[in-house]
Amino acid sequence: MPPDVIEGVIAVVGLVGVGSVFLVGMKMRYSHMQKMKGASAPSEEALQLAEEVTALRDEVRLLREDFAEVYERVEFAERLLTRGRAGEGGDGAP
């Protein structure tokens, strides 16, 4: 083969390769843009998960309030018990 033909084939193959890379890149970008466009609108599943998270947060808040109330009662009971013990030991009885 003459060198001119070989150079022409190499140039065509190079252009086809560069064009292919360009087209594949554009396709990937288009696909990514479509995914991002679809992801911007919250799906029904995402809305359901958000509702569940809100419900769980409310439940945790209620549990914390209940825990605080129980903690206050335990502290009150401890104060009564220590006050009672202090009174028992002061009169010299066994």
PDB file of N, CA and C in Angstrom:
ATOM      1  N   MET A   1       0.840  -1.175   0.000  1.00  0.00           N
ATOM      2  CA  MET A   1       0.000   0.000   0.000  1.00  0.00           C
ATOM      3  C   MET A   1       0.885   1.238   0.000  1.00  0.00           C
ATOM      4  N   PRO A   2       0.460   2.209  -0.756  1.00  0.00           N
ATOM      5  CA  PRO A   2       1.254   3.443  -0.778  1.00  0.00           C
ATOM      6  C   PRO A   2       1.113   4.204   0.544  1.00  0.00           C
ATOM      7  N   PRO A   3       2.129   4.942   0.902  1.00  0.00           N
ATOM      8  CA  PRO A   3       2.095   5.674   2.161  1.00  0.00           C
ATOM      9  C   PRO A   3       0.946   6.681   2.225  1.00  0.00           C
ATOM     10  N   ASP A   4       0.539   7.240   1.100  1.00  0.00           N
ATOM     11  CA  ASP A   4      -0.567   8.212   1.108  1.00  0.00           C
ATOM     12  C   ASP A   4      -1.872   7.546   1.538  1.00  0.00           C
ATOM     13  N   VAL A   5      -2.095   6.327   1.088  1.00  0.00           N
ATOM     14  CA  VAL A   5      -3.322   5.604   1.443  1.00  0.00           C
ATOM     15  C   VAL A   5      -3.304   5.240   2.919  1.00  0.00           C
ATOM     16  N   ILE A   6      -2.145   4.800   3.397  1.00  0.00           N
ATOM     17  CA  ILE A   6      -2.022   4.432   4.814  1.00  0.00           C
ATOM     18  C   ILE A   6      -2.282   5.654   5.692  1.00  0.00           C
ATOM     19  N   GLU A   7      -1.734   6.797   5.319  1.00  0.00           N
ATOM     20  CA  GLU A   7      -1.960   8.023   6.077  1.00  0.00           C
ATOM     21  C   GLU A   7      -3.437   8.413   6.053  1.00  0.00           C
ATOM     22  N   GLY A   8      -4.085   8.234   4.922  1.00  0.00           N
ATOM     23  CA  GLY A   8      -5.515   8.536   4.807  1.00  0.00           C
ATOM     24  C   GLY A   8      -6.357   7.622   5.684  1.00  0.00           C
ATOM     25  N   VAL A   9      -6.024   6.334   5.699  1.00  0.00           N
ATOM     26  CA  VAL A   9      -6.759   5.376   6.519  1.00  0.00           C
ATOM     27  C   VAL A   9      -6.560   5.713   8.000  1.00  0.00           C
ATOM     28  N   ILE A  10      -5.339   6.036   8.365  1.00  0.00           N
ATOM     29  CA  ILE A  10      -5.059   6.397   9.759  1.00  0.00           C
ATOM     30  C   ILE A  10      -5.852   7.644  10.141  1.00  0.00           C
ATOM     31  N   ALA A  11      -5.910   8.624   9.255  1.00  0.00           N
ATOM     32  CA  ALA A  11      -6.659   9.854   9.533  1.00  0.00           C
ATOM     33  C   ALA A  11      -8.148   9.553   9.693  1.00  0.00           C
ATOM     34  N   VAL A  12      -8.695   8.713   8.823  1.00  0.00           N
ATOM     35  CA  VAL A  12     -10.122   8.370   8.905  1.00  0.00           C
ATOM     36  C   VAL A  12     -10.406   7.596  10.189  1.00  0.00           C
ATOM     37  N   VAL A  13      -9.573   6.646  10.518  1.00  0.00           N
ATOM     38  CA  VAL A  13      -9.757   5.866  11.740  1.00  0.00           C
ATOM     39  C   VAL A  13      -9.657   6.785  12.956  1.00  0.00           C
ATOM     40  N   GLY A  14      -8.727   7.709  12.921  1.00  0.00           N
ATOM     41  CA  GLY A  14      -8.589   8.660  14.022  1.00  0.00           C
ATOM     42  C   GLY A  14      -9.818   9.536  14.159  1.00  0.00           C
ATOM     43  N   LEU A  15     -10.329  10.040  13.046  1.00  0.00           N
ATOM     44  CA  LEU A  15     -11.538  10.875  13.093  1.00  0.00           C
ATOM     45  C   LEU A  15     -12.744  10.083  13.573  1.00  0.00           C
ATOM     46  N   VAL A  16     -12.865   8.853  13.109  1.00  0.00           N
ATOM     47  CA  VAL A  16     -13.975   8.008  13.555  1.00  0.00           C
ATOM     48  C   VAL A  16     -13.850   7.738  15.053  1.00  0.00           C
ATOM     49  N   GLY A  17     -12.647   7.502  15.530  1.00  0.00           N
ATOM     50  CA  GLY A  17     -12.438   7.260  16.960  1.00  0.00           C
ATOM     51  C   GLY A  17     -12.783   8.481  17.796  1.00  0.00           C
ATOM     52  N   VAL A  18     -12.299   9.651  17.376  1.00  0.00           N
ATOM     53  CA  VAL A  18     -12.607  10.875  18.108  1.00  0.00           C
ATOM     54  C   VAL A  18     -14.105  11.154  18.072  1.00  0.00           C
ATOM     55  N   GLY A  19     -14.728  10.963  16.911  1.00  0.00           N
ATOM     56  CA  GLY A  19     -16.173  11.169  16.788  1.00  0.00           C
ATOM     57  C   GLY A  19     -16.958  10.211  17.666  1.00  0.00           C
ATOM     58  N   SER A  20     -16.496   8.979  17.741  1.00  0.00           N
ATOM     59  CA  SER A  20     -17.174   7.987  18.578  1.00  0.00           C
ATOM     60  C   SER A  20     -17.087   8.362  20.051  1.00  0.00           C
ATOM     61  N   VAL A  21     -15.902   8.779  20.471  1.00  0.00           N
ATOM     62  CA  VAL A  21     -15.728   9.194  21.866  1.00  0.00           C
ATOM     63  C   VAL A  21     -16.630  10.385  22.165  1.00  0.00           C
ATOM     64  N   PHE A  22     -16.689  11.334  21.240  1.00  0.00           N
ATOM     65  CA  PHE A  22     -17.550  12.507  21.407  1.00  0.00           C
ATOM     66  C   PHE A  22     -19.022  12.106  21.518  1.00  0.00           C
ATOM     67  N   LEU A  23     -19.471  11.229  20.633  1.00  0.00           N
ATOM     68  CA  LEU A  23     -20.875  10.801  20.658  1.00  0.00           C
ATOM     69  C   LEU A  23     -21.209  10.011  21.918  1.00  0.00           C
ATOM     70  N   VAL A  24     -20.307   9.144  22.357  1.00  0.00           N
ATOM     71  CA  VAL A  24     -20.539   8.386  23.585  1.00  0.00           C
ATOM     72  C   VAL A  24     -20.604   9.331  24.775  1.00  0.00           C
ATOM     73  N   GLY A  25     -19.732  10.316  24.804  1.00  0.00           N
ATOM     74  CA  GLY A  25     -19.754  11.307  25.875  1.00  0.00           C
ATOM     75  C   GLY A  25     -21.057  12.095  25.891  1.00  0.00           C
ATOM     76  N   MET A  26     -21.518  12.491  24.736  1.00  0.00           N
ATOM     77  CA  MET A  26     -22.789  13.223  24.651  1.00  0.00           C
ATOM     78  C   MET A  26     -23.955  12.348  25.120  1.00  0.00           C
ATOM     79  N   LYS A  27     -23.938  11.076  24.754  1.00  0.00           N
ATOM     80  CA  LYS A  27     -24.992  10.153  25.173  1.00  0.00           C
ATOM     81  C   LYS A  27     -24.982   9.994  26.691  1.00  0.00           C
ATOM     82  N   MET A  28     -23.793   9.872  27.266  1.00  0.00           N
ATOM     83  CA  MET A  28     -23.699   9.723  28.712  1.00  0.00           C
ATOM     84  C   MET A  28     -24.189  10.986  29.412  1.00  0.00           C
ATOM     85  N   ARG A  29     -23.830  12.132  28.882  1.00  0.00           N
ATOM     86  CA  ARG A  29     -24.280  13.398  29.477  1.00  0.00           C
ATOM     87  C   ARG A  29     -25.795  13.527  29.377  1.00  0.00           C
ATOM     88  N   TYR A  30     -26.356  13.155  28.238  1.00  0.00           N
ATOM     89  CA  TYR A  30     -27.807  13.215  28.061  1.00  0.00           C
ATOM     90  C   TYR A  30     -28.509  12.282  29.048  1.00  0.00           C
ATOM     91  N   SER A  31     -27.971  11.081  29.209  1.00  0.00           N
ATOM     92  CA  SER A  31     -28.557  10.130  30.152  1.00  0.00           C
ATOM     93  C   SER A  31     -28.480  10.665  31.574  1.00  0.00           C
ATOM     94  N   HIS A  32     -27.345  11.256  31.915  1.00  0.00           N
ATOM     95  CA  HIS A  32     -27.180  11.818  33.254  1.00  0.00           C
ATOM     96  C   HIS A  32     -28.167  12.967  33.476  1.00  0.00           C
ATOM     97  N   MET A  33     -28.337  13.817  32.483  1.00  0.00           N
ATOM     98  CA  MET A  33     -29.265  14.945  32.608  1.00  0.00           C
ATOM     99  C   MET A  33     -30.699  14.437  32.777  1.00  0.00           C
ATOM    100  N   GLN A  34     -31.060  13.376  32.092  1.00  0.00           N
ATOM    101  CA  GLN A  34     -32.403  12.812  32.225  1.00  0.00           C
ATOM    102  C   GLN A  34     -32.616  12.240  33.622  1.00  0.00           C
ATOM    103  N   LYS A  35     -31.596  11.581  34.154  1.00  0.00           N
ATOM    104  CA  LYS A  35     -31.708  11.045  35.512  1.00  0.00           C
ATOM    105  C   LYS A  35     -31.861  12.170  36.526  1.00  0.00           C
ATOM    106  N   MET A  36     -31.072  13.213  36.361  1.00  0.00           N
ATOM    107  CA  MET A  36     -31.137  14.340  37.284  1.00  0.00           C
ATOM    108  C   MET A  36     -32.486  15.049  37.174  1.00  0.00           C
ATOM    109  N   LYS A  37     -33.004  15.145  35.990  1.00  0.00           N
ATOM    110  CA  LYS A  37     -34.303  15.779  35.792  1.00  0.00           C
ATOM    111  C   LYS A  37     -35.399  14.964  36.472  1.00  0.00           C
ATOM    112  N   GLY A  38     -35.326  13.656  36.359  1.00  0.00           N
ATOM    113  CA  GLY A  38     -36.294  12.784  37.007  1.00  0.00           C
ATOM    114  C   GLY A  38     -36.127  12.768  38.513  1.00  0.00           C
ATOM    115  N   ALA A  39     -34.900  12.965  38.985  1.00  0.00           N
ATOM    116  CA  ALA A  39     -34.634  12.928  40.422  1.00  0.00           C
ATOM    117  C   ALA A  39     -35.073  14.206  41.111  1.00  0.00           C
ATOM    118  N   SER A  40     -35.247  15.288  40.368  1.00  0.00           N
ATOM    119  CA  SER A  40     -35.610  16.556  41.001  1.00  0.00           C
ATOM    120  C   SER A  40     -37.048  16.529  41.527  1.00  0.00           C
ATOM    121  N   ALA A  41     -37.921  15.794  40.884  1.00  0.00           N
ATOM    122  CA  ALA A  41     -39.292  15.666  41.366  1.00  0.00           C
ATOM    123  C   ALA A  41     -39.340  14.503  42.353  1.00  0.00           C
ATOM    124  N   PRO A  42     -39.786  14.753  43.590  1.00  0.00           N
ATOM    125  CA  PRO A  42     -39.796  13.670  44.574  1.00  0.00           C
ATOM    126  C   PRO A  42     -40.774  12.566  44.174  1.00  0.00           C
ATOM    127  N   SER A  43     -40.310  11.357  44.290  1.00  0.00           N
ATOM    128  CA  SER A  43     -41.158  10.222  43.943  1.00  0.00           C
ATOM    129  C   SER A  43     -42.114   9.938  45.103  1.00  0.00           C
ATOM    130  N   GLU A  44     -43.069   9.082  44.835  1.00  0.00           N
ATOM    131  CA  GLU A  44     -44.038   8.707  45.871  1.00  0.00           C
ATOM    132  C   GLU A  44     -43.334   7.986  47.011  1.00  0.00           C
ATOM    133  N   GLU A  45     -42.325   7.186  46.658  1.00  0.00           N
ATOM    134  CA  GLU A  45     -41.569   6.465  47.680  1.00  0.00           C
ATOM    135  C   GLU A  45     -40.816   7.448  48.580  1.00  0.00           C
ATOM    136  N   ALA A  46     -40.235   8.500  47.972  1.00  0.00           N
ATOM    137  CA  ALA A  46     -39.516   9.504  48.768  1.00  0.00           C
ATOM    138  C   ALA A  46     -40.473  10.248  49.684  1.00  0.00           C
ATOM    139  N   LEU A  47     -41.661  10.549  49.210  1.00  0.00           N
ATOM    140  CA  LEU A  47     -42.652  11.225  50.051  1.00  0.00           C
ATOM    141  C   LEU A  47     -43.083  10.329  51.210  1.00  0.00           C
ATOM    142  N   GLN A  48     -43.264   9.043  50.928  1.00  0.00           N
ATOM    143  CA  GLN A  48     -43.653   8.098  51.973  1.00  0.00           C
ATOM    144  C   GLN A  48     -42.545   7.983  53.024  1.00  0.00           C
ATOM    145  N   LEU A  49     -41.290   7.941  52.586  1.00  0.00           N
ATOM    146  CA  LEU A  49     -40.185   7.874  53.532  1.00  0.00           C
ATOM    147  C   LEU A  49     -40.112   9.137  54.386  1.00  0.00           C
ATOM    148  N   ALA A  50     -40.375  10.286  53.774  1.00  0.00           N
ATOM    149  CA  ALA A  50     -40.357  11.538  54.535  1.00  0.00           C
ATOM    150  C   ALA A  50     -41.447  11.531  55.606  1.00  0.00           C
ATOM    151  N   GLU A  51     -42.615  11.001  55.272  1.00  0.00           N
ATOM    152  CA  GLU A  51     -43.704  10.906  56.253  1.00  0.00           C
ATOM    153  C   GLU A  51     -43.320   9.968  57.388  1.00  0.00           C
ATOM    154  N   GLU A  52     -42.688   8.847  57.052  1.00  0.00           N
ATOM    155  CA  GLU A  52     -42.272   7.896  58.085  1.00  0.00           C
ATOM    156  C   GLU A  52     -41.220   8.516  58.996  1.00  0.00           C
ATOM    157  N   VAL A  53     -40.292   9.267  58.431  1.00  0.00           N
ATOM    158  CA  VAL A  53     -39.269   9.926  59.243  1.00  0.00           C
ATOM    159  C   VAL A  53     -39.919  10.927  60.191  1.00  0.00           C
ATOM    160  N   THR A  54     -40.890  11.684  59.689  1.00  0.00           N
ATOM    161  CA  THR A  54     -41.594  12.642  60.535  1.00  0.00           C
ATOM    162  C   THR A  54     -42.322  11.923  61.669  1.00  0.00           C
ATOM    163  N   ALA A  55     -42.974  10.808  61.357  1.00  0.00           N
ATOM    164  CA  ALA A  55     -43.685  10.045  62.384  1.00  0.00           C
ATOM    165  C   ALA A  55     -42.705   9.502  63.433  1.00  0.00           C
ATOM    166  N   LEU A  56     -41.560   9.015  62.986  1.00  0.00           N
ATOM    167  CA  LEU A  56     -40.563   8.502  63.928  1.00  0.00           C
ATOM    168  C   LEU A  56     -40.004   9.615  64.810  1.00  0.00           C
ATOM    169  N   ARG A  57     -39.798  10.787  64.237  1.00  0.00           N
ATOM    170  CA  ARG A  57     -39.316  11.911  65.044  1.00  0.00           C
ATOM    171  C   ARG A  57     -40.331  12.297  66.107  1.00  0.00           C
ATOM    172  N   ASP A  58     -41.623  12.296  65.736  1.00  0.00           N
ATOM    173  CA  ASP A  58     -42.671  12.590  66.713  1.00  0.00           C
ATOM    174  C   ASP A  58     -42.682  11.556  67.827  1.00  0.00           C
ATOM    175  N   GLU A  59     -42.523  10.294  67.453  1.00  0.00           N
ATOM    176  CA  GLU A  59     -42.517   9.221  68.447  1.00  0.00           C
ATOM    177  C   GLU A  59     -41.315   9.343  69.386  1.00  0.00           C
ATOM    178  N   VAL A  60     -40.164   9.669  68.845  1.00  0.00           N
ATOM    179  CA  VAL A  60     -38.974   9.852  69.681  1.00  0.00           C
ATOM    180  C   VAL A  60     -39.183  11.030  70.632  1.00  0.00           C
ATOM    181  N   ARG A  61     -39.804  12.109  70.153  1.00  0.00           N
ATOM    182  CA  ARG A  61     -40.076  13.262  71.009  1.00  0.00           C
ATOM    183  C   ARG A  61     -40.971  12.856  72.180  1.00  0.00           C
ATOM    184  N   LEU A  62     -42.021  12.076  71.886  1.00  0.00           N
ATOM    185  CA  LEU A  62     -42.916  11.611  72.945  1.00  0.00           C
ATOM    186  C   LEU A  62     -42.185  10.704  73.936  1.00  0.00           C
ATOM    187  N   LEU A  63     -41.333   9.821  73.424  1.00  0.00           N
ATOM    188  CA  LEU A  63     -40.574   8.938  74.305  1.00  0.00           C
ATOM    189  C   LEU A  63     -39.623   9.731  75.197  1.00  0.00           C
ATOM    190  N   ARG A  64     -39.042  10.780  74.668  1.00  0.00           N
ATOM    191  CA  ARG A  64     -38.151  11.618  75.482  1.00  0.00           C
ATOM    192  C   ARG A  64     -38.936  12.318  76.583  1.00  0.00           C
ATOM    193  N   GLU A  65     -40.131  12.782  76.258  1.00  0.00           N
ATOM    194  CA  GLU A  65     -40.965  13.420  77.274  1.00  0.00           C
ATOM    195  C   GLU A  65     -41.335  12.419  78.365  1.00  0.00           C
ATOM    196  N   ASP A  66     -41.720  11.206  77.959  1.00  0.00           N
ATOM    197  CA  ASP A  66     -42.048  10.165  78.936  1.00  0.00           C
ATOM    198  C   ASP A  66     -40.830   9.819  79.791  1.00  0.00           C
ATOM    199  N   PHE A  67     -39.668   9.720  79.176  1.00  0.00           N
ATOM    200  CA  PHE A  67     -38.444   9.413  79.909  1.00  0.00           C
ATOM    201  C   PHE A  67     -38.140  10.510  80.927  1.00  0.00           C
ATOM    202  N   ALA A  68     -38.313  11.766  80.531  1.00  0.00           N
ATOM    203  CA  ALA A  68     -38.052  12.879  81.452  1.00  0.00           C
ATOM    204  C   ALA A  68     -38.985  12.807  82.657  1.00  0.00           C
ATOM    205  N   GLU A  69     -40.244  12.439  82.412  1.00  0.00           N
ATOM    206  CA  GLU A  69     -41.203  12.328  83.510  1.00  0.00           C
ATOM    207  C   GLU A  69     -40.818  11.184  84.452  1.00  0.00           C
ATOM    208  N   VAL A  70     -40.442  10.040  83.894  1.00  0.00           N
ATOM    209  CA  VAL A  70     -40.036   8.908  84.718  1.00  0.00           C
ATOM    210  C   VAL A  70     -38.771   9.251  85.498  1.00  0.00           C
ATOM    211  N   TYR A  71     -37.839   9.954  84.877  1.00  0.00           N
ATOM    212  CA  TYR A  71     -36.603  10.360  85.542  1.00  0.00           C
ATOM    213  C   TYR A  71     -36.907  11.270  86.729  1.00  0.00           C
ATOM    214  N   GLU A  72     -37.819  12.207  86.557  1.00  0.00           N
ATOM    215  CA  GLU A  72     -38.204  13.086  87.662  1.00  0.00           C
ATOM    216  C   GLU A  72     -38.812  12.295  88.804  1.00  0.00           C
ATOM    217  N   ARG A  73     -39.640  11.301  88.495  1.00  0.00           N
ATOM    218  CA  ARG A  73     -40.260  10.487  89.537  1.00  0.00           C
ATOM    219  C   ARG A  73     -39.215   9.663  90.293  1.00  0.00           C
ATOM    220  N   VAL A  74     -38.245   9.120  89.571  1.00  0.00           N
ATOM    221  CA  VAL A  74     -37.185   8.339  90.215  1.00  0.00           C
ATOM    222  C   VAL A  74     -36.371   9.236  91.135  1.00  0.00           C
ATOM    223  N   GLU A  75     -36.034  10.436  90.681  1.00  0.00           N
ATOM    224  CA  GLU A  75     -35.288  11.362  91.539  1.00  0.00           C
ATOM    225  C   GLU A  75     -36.086  11.713  92.787  1.00  0.00           C
ATOM    226  N   PHE A  76     -37.386  11.939  92.630  1.00  0.00           N
ATOM    227  CA  PHE A  76     -38.242  12.249  93.768  1.00  0.00           C
ATOM    228  C   PHE A  76     -38.235  11.094  94.767  1.00  0.00           C
ATOM    229  N   ALA A  77     -38.382   9.862  94.236  1.00  0.00           N
ATOM    230  CA  ALA A  77     -38.391   8.685  95.103  1.00  0.00           C
ATOM    231  C   ALA A  77     -37.043   8.533  95.820  1.00  0.00           C
ATOM    232  N   GLU A  78     -35.951   8.791  95.119  1.00  0.00           N
ATOM    233  CA  GLU A  78     -34.635   8.706  95.755  1.00  0.00           C
ATOM    234  C   GLU A  78     -34.497   9.739  96.870  1.00  0.00           C
ATOM    235  N   ARG A  79     -34.988  10.943  96.653  1.00  0.00           N
ATOM    236  CA  ARG A  79     -34.912  11.975  97.694  1.00  0.00           C
ATOM    237  C   ARG A  79     -35.716  11.555  98.925  1.00  0.00           C
ATOM    238  N   LEU A  80     -36.896  10.974  98.701  1.00  0.00           N
ATOM    239  CA  LEU A  80     -37.703  10.516  99.825  1.00  0.00           C
ATOM    240  C   LEU A  80     -36.997   9.408 100.598  1.00  0.00           C
ATOM    241  N   LEU A  81     -36.392   8.463  99.845  1.00  0.00           N
ATOM    242  CA  LEU A  81     -35.695   7.357 100.499  1.00  0.00           C
ATOM    243  C   LEU A  81     -34.485   7.855 101.296  1.00  0.00           C
ATOM    244  N   THR A  82     -33.712   8.749 100.734  1.00  0.00           N
ATOM    245  CA  THR A  82     -32.535   9.237 101.474  1.00  0.00           C
ATOM    246  C   THR A  82     -32.957  10.079 102.664  1.00  0.00           C
ATOM    247  N   ARG A  83     -34.046  10.815 102.554  1.00  0.00           N
ATOM    248  CA  ARG A  83     -34.539  11.604 103.676  1.00  0.00           C
ATOM    249  C   ARG A  83     -35.025  10.671 104.787  1.00  0.00           C
ATOM    250  N   GLY A  84     -35.698   9.582 104.410  1.00  0.00           N
ATOM    251  CA  GLY A  84     -36.172   8.621 105.388  1.00  0.00           C
ATOM    252  C   GLY A  84     -35.027   7.918 106.090  1.00  0.00           C
ATOM    253  N   ARG A  85     -33.994   7.562 105.384  1.00  0.00           N
ATOM    254  CA  ARG A  85     -32.839   6.891 105.985  1.00  0.00           C
ATOM    255  C   ARG A  85     -32.087   7.829 106.915  1.00  0.00           C
ATOM    256  N   ALA A  86     -31.994   9.073 106.548  1.00  0.00           N
ATOM    257  CA  ALA A  86     -31.293  10.040 107.387  1.00  0.00           C
ATOM    258  C   ALA A  86     -32.050  10.217 108.695  1.00  0.00           C
ATOM    259  N   GLY A  87     -33.370  10.156 108.664  1.00  0.00           N
ATOM    260  CA  GLY A  87     -34.177  10.296 109.861  1.00  0.00           C
ATOM    261  C   GLY A  87     -34.088   9.080 110.757  1.00  0.00           C
ATOM    262  N   GLU A  88     -33.917   7.877 110.171  1.00  0.00           N
ATOM    263  CA  GLU A  88     -33.837   6.655 110.960  1.00  0.00           C
ATOM    264  C   GLU A  88     -32.523   6.548 111.726  1.00  0.00           C
ATOM    265  N   GLY A  89     -31.460   6.991 111.134  1.00  0.00           N
ATOM    266  CA  GLY A  89     -30.144   6.828 111.763  1.00  0.00           C
ATOM    267  C   GLY A  89     -29.897   7.831 112.864  1.00  0.00           C
ATOM    268  N   GLY A  90     -30.639   8.882 112.995  1.00  0.00           N
ATOM    269  CA  GLY A  90     -30.369   9.939 113.961  1.00  0.00           C
ATOM    270  C   GLY A  90     -30.837   9.654 115.365  1.00  0.00           C
ATOM    271  N   ASP A  91     -31.751   8.717 115.619  1.00  0.00           N
ATOM    272  CA  ASP A  91     -32.290   8.500 116.964  1.00  0.00           C
ATOM    273  C   ASP A  91     -31.578   7.378 117.725  1.00  0.00           C
ATOM    274  N   GLY A  92     -30.607   6.726 117.141  1.00  0.00           N
ATOM    275  CA  GLY A  92     -29.824   5.703 117.839  1.00  0.00           C
ATOM    276  C   GLY A  92     -30.475   4.333 117.806  1.00  0.00           C
ATOM    277  N   ALA A  93     -31.569   4.141 117.104  1.00  0.00           N
ATOM    278  CA  ALA A  93     -32.224   2.829 117.033  1.00  0.00           C
ATOM    279  C   ALA A  93     -31.498   1.950 116.034  1.00  0.00           C
ATOM    280  N   PRO A  94     -31.503   0.593 116.277  1.00  0.00           N
ATOM    281  CA  PRO A  94     -30.778  -0.316 115.367  1.00  0.00           C
ATOM    282  C   PRO A  94     -31.410  -0.461 114.028  1.00  0.00           C
TER     283      PRO A  94
END
